[in-house]
C-alpha atoms as a PDB file:
ATOM      1  CA  UNK A   1     100.987  89.252 128.494  1.00  0.00           C
ATOM      2  CA  UNK A   2     101.210  92.196 126.104  1.00  0.00           C
ATOM      3  CA  UNK A   3     104.611  93.126 127.497  1.00  0.00           C
ATOM      4  CA  UNK A   4     105.877  89.571 126.971  1.00  0.00           C
ATOM      5  CA  UNK A   5     104.753  89.591 123.315  1.00  0.00           C
ATOM      6  CA  UNK A   6     106.364  92.996 122.782  1.00  0.00           C
ATOM      7  CA  UNK A   7     109.630  91.686 124.131  1.00  0.00           C
ATOM      8  CA  UNK A   8     109.410  88.656 121.894  1.00  0.00           C
ATOM      9  CA  UNK A   9     108.809  90.881 118.883  1.00  0.00           C
ATOM     10  CA  UNK A  10     111.706  93.146 119.758  1.00  0.00           C
ATOM     11  CA  UNK A  11     113.956  90.157 120.471  1.00  0.00           C
ATOM     12  CA  UNK A  12     113.007  88.661 117.115  1.00  0.00           C
ATOM     13  CA  UNK A  13     113.810  91.913 115.343  1.00  0.00           C
ATOM     14  CA  UNK A  14     117.199  92.107 117.054  1.00  0.00           C
ATOM     15  CA  UNK A  15     117.957  88.534 115.994  1.00  0.00           C
ATOM     16  CA  UNK A  16     116.918  89.376 112.432  1.00  0.00           C
ATOM     17  CA  UNK A  17     119.332  92.318 112.440  1.00  0.00           C
ATOM     18  CA  UNK A  18     122.146  90.018 113.572  1.00  0.00           C
ATOM     19  CA  UNK A  19     121.264  87.514 110.858  1.00  0.00           C
ATOM     20  CA  UNK A  20     121.362  90.227 108.198  1.00  0.00           C
ATOM     21  CA  UNK A  21     124.745  91.413 109.465  1.00  0.00           C
ATOM     22  CA  UNK A  22     126.097  87.868 109.305  1.00  0.00           C
ATOM     23  CA  UNK A  23     124.710  87.279 105.826  1.00  0.00           C
ATOM     24  CA  UNK A  24     126.151  90.565 104.564  1.00  0.00           C
ATOM     25  CA  UNK A  25     129.566  89.645 105.939  1.00  0.00           C
ATOM     26  CA  UNK A  26     132.045  87.422 104.156  1.00  0.00           C
ATOM     27  CA  UNK A  27     132.657  84.942 106.964  1.00  0.00           C
ATOM     28  CA  UNK A  28     129.567  82.702 106.708  1.00  0.00           C
ATOM     29  CA  UNK A  29     129.856  79.483 104.727  1.00  0.00           C
ATOM     30  CA  UNK A  30     127.194  78.581 102.185  1.00  0.00           C
ATOM     31  CA  UNK A  31     125.721  75.975 104.537  1.00  0.00           C
ATOM     32  CA  UNK A  32     125.649  78.410 107.449  1.00  0.00           C
ATOM     33  CA  UNK A  33     124.197  81.133 105.227  1.00  0.00           C
ATOM     34  CA  UNK A  34     121.341  78.835 104.239  1.00  0.00           C
ATOM     35  CA  UNK A  35     120.623  78.035 107.894  1.00  0.00           C
ATOM     36  CA  UNK A  36     120.680  81.718 108.774  1.00  0.00           C
ATOM     37  CA  UNK A  37     118.397  82.533 105.853  1.00  0.00           C
ATOM     38  CA  UNK A  38     115.932  79.837 106.930  1.00  0.00           C
ATOM     39  CA  UNK A  39     115.940  81.127 110.519  1.00  0.00           C
ATOM     40  CA  UNK A  40     115.432  84.663 109.240  1.00  0.00           C
ATOM     41  CA  UNK A  41     112.458  83.640 107.126  1.00  0.00           C
ATOM     42  CA  UNK A  42     110.818  81.918 110.120  1.00  0.00           C
ATOM     43  CA  UNK A  43     111.406  84.945 112.330  1.00  0.00           C
ATOM     44  CA  UNK A  44     110.018  87.235 109.629  1.00  0.00           C
ATOM     45  CA  UNK A  45     106.827  85.189 109.430  1.00  0.00           C
ATOM     46  CA  UNK A  46     106.430  85.201 113.234  1.00  0.00           C
ATOM     47  CA  UNK A  47     106.914  88.979 113.335  1.00  0.00           C
ATOM     48  CA  UNK A  48     104.428  89.471 110.489  1.00  0.00           C
ATOM     49  CA  UNK A  49     101.811  87.473 112.408  1.00  0.00           C
ATOM     50  CA  UNK A  50     102.437  89.472 115.580  1.00  0.00           C
ATOM     51  CA  UNK A  51     102.061  92.737 113.653  1.00  0.00           C
ATOM     52  CA  UNK A  52      98.810  91.546 112.053  1.00  0.00           C
ATOM     53  CA  UNK A  53      97.405  90.694 115.487  1.00  0.00           C
ATOM     54  CA  UNK A  54      98.445  94.090 116.824  1.00  0.00           C
ATOM     55  CA  UNK A  55      96.847  95.832 113.837  1.00  0.00           C
ATOM     56  CA  UNK A  56      93.615  93.881 114.344  1.00  0.00           C
ATOM     57  CA  UNK A  57      93.554  94.801 118.024  1.00  0.00           C
ATOM     58  CA  UNK A  58      94.082  98.477 117.217  1.00  0.00           C
ATOM     59  CA  UNK A  59      91.276  98.401 114.652  1.00  0.00           C
ATOM     60  CA  UNK A  60      88.971  96.785 117.202  1.00  0.00           C
ATOM     61  CA  UNK A  61      89.877  99.391 119.791  1.00  0.00           C
ATOM     62  CA  UNK A  62      89.123 102.139 117.297  1.00  0.00           C
ATOM     63  CA  UNK A  63      85.884 100.493 116.235  1.00  0.00           C
ATOM     64  CA  UNK A  64      87.056  99.764 112.685  1.00  0.00           C
ATOM     65  CA  UNK A  65      86.100  96.134 112.243  1.00  0.00           C
ATOM     66  CA  UNK A  66      86.667  94.499 108.850  1.00  0.00           C
END
């Protein structure tokens, strides 16, 4: 299960990198740029949540509960 989540995180980061490359390029239309931006924002939020869960797990393992 942990491995699957790690892969999802890494896959999401790779997709975000591709989105940034596309947005930085000149070939994307305004409509496509907006769709890419929206997808990027959703992926960013998913990654943030995964990182928060990982941080919480690490704190629990170290005995540093909030």
